[in-house]
Amino acid sequence: MIDASIAVKWVIEETGTNEALALRSRARLIAPDLLVAECANILWKKTRINELGTDEALFAARLLAGAEMELVPMRLLFAPATRLAIALDHPAYDCVYIALAIERDCPFVTADERLLRKLRHGKERALANRVVALI
């Protein structure tokens, strides 16, 4: 399972791109459908700070739209994600990914350093075993 921090690396060259592409080629990937909005937001932010032009961002969005992965409706994860957000004192959108990993009993790969730190040093350290750093 992956989040937007991984998916964007498939289409934008940045630290961890090689590892993200390798993961894509060797694993069946799933993510909550929240990933679509988060990837679009990342591409928008990159245009705001002039890391990408509009055409590049739109091309990246088209590539991501065609990526092979299962997108799970996030509505099913509403209550568990809320529970995790409260327990972790962390934004609920990140907790949607963790809730899906728990539901599917699979590892969750992310490049989100803030989330990784929170899990490693927070009250819910047991969740840290479910979440894997990309690099």
Protein backbone atom coordinates (compact mmCIF):
# COMPACT_ATOMS: atom_id res chain seq x y z
CA MET A 1 0.00 0.00 0.00
CA ILE A 2 1.24 3.49 -0.81
CA ASP A 3 0.39 7.15 -0.31
CA ALA A 4 0.73 10.21 -2.51
CA SER A 5 4.33 10.81 -1.39
CA ILE A 6 5.21 7.59 -3.25
CA ALA A 7 2.93 7.92 -6.29
CA VAL A 8 4.19 11.40 -7.17
CA LYS A 9 7.74 10.05 -7.32
CA TRP A 10 6.67 7.89 -10.29
CA VAL A 11 6.15 11.00 -12.42
CA ILE A 12 8.35 13.69 -10.82
CA GLU A 13 12.08 13.13 -10.40
CA GLU A 14 12.97 13.63 -6.74
CA THR A 15 14.71 11.82 -3.89
CA GLY A 16 13.36 8.28 -3.75
CA THR A 17 12.12 8.12 -7.35
CA ASN A 18 14.16 5.00 -8.16
CA GLU A 19 12.90 3.22 -5.04
CA ALA A 20 9.29 4.24 -5.76
CA LEU A 21 9.54 2.95 -9.33
CA ALA A 22 11.04 -0.31 -8.10
CA LEU A 23 8.20 -0.72 -5.63
CA ARG A 24 5.69 -0.07 -8.41
CA SER A 25 7.20 -2.77 -10.58
CA ARG A 26 7.31 -5.48 -7.91
CA ALA A 27 4.18 -5.05 -5.80
CA ARG A 28 0.41 -5.01 -6.25
CA LEU A 29 -0.43 -1.51 -5.08
CA ILE A 30 -3.49 -0.23 -3.30
CA ALA A 31 -4.39 3.15 -1.85
CA PRO A 32 -7.48 4.98 -0.65
CA ASP A 33 -9.04 7.12 -3.38
CA LEU A 34 -7.85 10.09 -1.32
CA LEU A 35 -4.57 9.58 -3.20
CA VAL A 36 -6.07 11.26 -6.28
CA ALA A 37 -6.77 14.53 -4.48
CA GLU A 38 -3.46 14.45 -2.62
CA CYS A 39 -1.45 13.90 -5.81
CA ALA A 40 -3.32 16.73 -7.54
CA ASN A 41 -2.56 18.96 -4.55
CA ILE A 42 1.15 18.09 -4.68
CA LEU A 43 1.28 18.91 -8.40
CA TRP A 44 -0.52 22.21 -7.76
CA LYS A 45 1.95 23.12 -5.01
CA LYS A 46 4.88 22.32 -7.28
CA THR A 47 3.51 24.73 -9.90
CA ARG A 48 3.03 27.45 -7.25
CA ILE A 49 6.71 27.28 -6.30
CA ASN A 50 7.81 26.99 -9.94
CA GLU A 51 9.15 23.45 -9.65
CA LEU A 52 6.77 22.44 -12.46
CA GLY A 53 5.12 24.24 -15.32
CA THR A 54 1.41 23.87 -15.93
CA ASP A 55 1.91 21.51 -18.89
CA GLU A 56 4.30 19.33 -16.86
CA ALA A 57 1.85 19.12 -13.96
CA LEU A 58 -1.03 18.20 -16.26
CA PHE A 59 1.09 15.56 -18.00
CA ALA A 60 2.08 14.12 -14.60
CA ALA A 61 -1.61 14.05 -13.59
CA ARG A 62 -2.49 12.10 -16.75
CA LEU A 63 0.29 9.61 -16.08
CA LEU A 64 -0.87 9.12 -12.50
CA ALA A 65 -4.48 8.67 -13.63
CA GLY A 66 -3.35 5.70 -15.73
CA ALA A 67 -1.19 4.09 -13.05
CA GLU A 68 -1.97 0.48 -12.18
CA MET A 69 -3.29 0.42 -8.63
CA GLU A 70 -6.44 -0.40 -6.74
CA LEU A 71 -8.16 2.70 -5.35
CA VAL A 72 -10.35 1.92 -2.34
CA PRO A 73 -13.28 4.21 -1.47
CA MET A 74 -12.25 6.22 1.54
CA ARG A 75 -15.79 6.34 2.92
CA LEU A 76 -15.24 2.83 4.28
CA LEU A 77 -12.31 4.12 6.32
CA PHE A 78 -14.06 7.12 7.88
CA ALA A 79 -14.48 5.81 11.46
CA PRO A 80 -11.15 3.95 11.76
CA ALA A 81 -9.24 6.93 10.32
CA THR A 82 -10.96 9.29 12.76
CA ARG A 83 -10.12 6.97 15.67
CA LEU A 84 -6.46 6.85 14.60
CA ALA A 85 -6.27 10.63 14.08
CA ILE A 86 -7.51 11.20 17.62
CA ALA A 87 -5.21 8.56 19.10
CA LEU A 88 -2.15 9.81 17.22
CA ASP A 89 -3.03 13.51 17.37
CA HIS A 90 -2.23 13.57 13.66
CA PRO A 91 -4.12 14.75 10.55
CA ALA A 92 -6.91 12.38 9.55
CA TYR A 93 -5.96 12.28 5.87
CA ASP A 94 -2.72 10.45 6.74
CA CYS A 95 -4.66 8.16 9.05
CA VAL A 96 -6.89 7.06 6.16
CA TYR A 97 -3.83 5.33 4.69
CA ILE A 98 -2.97 3.66 7.99
CA ALA A 99 -6.57 2.52 8.44
CA LEU A 100 -6.51 0.88 5.01
CA ALA A 101 -3.22 -0.86 5.77
CA ILE A 102 -4.73 -2.24 8.97
CA GLU A 103 -7.93 -3.31 7.19
CA ARG A 104 -6.00 -5.06 4.40
CA ASP A 105 -3.33 -6.38 6.78
CA CYS A 106 -0.53 -5.08 4.59
CA PRO A 107 2.47 -2.79 4.97
CA PHE A 108 2.08 0.89 4.18
CA VAL A 109 5.03 2.48 2.35
CA THR A 110 5.48 6.23 2.65
CA ALA A 111 8.09 8.94 2.21
CA ASP A 112 6.25 11.20 4.69
CA GLU A 113 8.94 11.88 7.29
CA ARG A 114 6.56 13.73 9.61
CA LEU A 115 4.23 10.74 9.80
CA LEU A 116 7.12 8.31 10.25
CA ARG A 117 8.52 10.39 13.14
CA LYS A 118 5.08 10.57 14.77
CA LEU A 119 4.68 6.81 14.65
CA ARG A 120 8.20 6.04 15.84
CA HIS A 121 8.06 8.41 18.79
CA GLY A 122 4.38 8.69 19.61
CA LYS A 123 1.96 6.83 21.86
CA GLU A 124 0.96 4.32 19.18
CA ARG A 125 4.36 2.79 18.45
CA ALA A 126 2.76 -0.54 17.54
CA LEU A 127 1.58 1.10 14.31
CA ALA A 128 5.18 1.87 13.38
CA ASN A 129 5.63 -1.80 12.47
CA ARG A 130 2.93 -1.46 9.81
CA VAL A 131 4.43 1.67 8.22
CA VAL A 132 7.61 1.37 6.14
CA ALA A 133 9.86 4.21 5.02
CA LEU A 134 10.53 4.25 1.27
CA ILE A 135 14.26 4.78 1.80
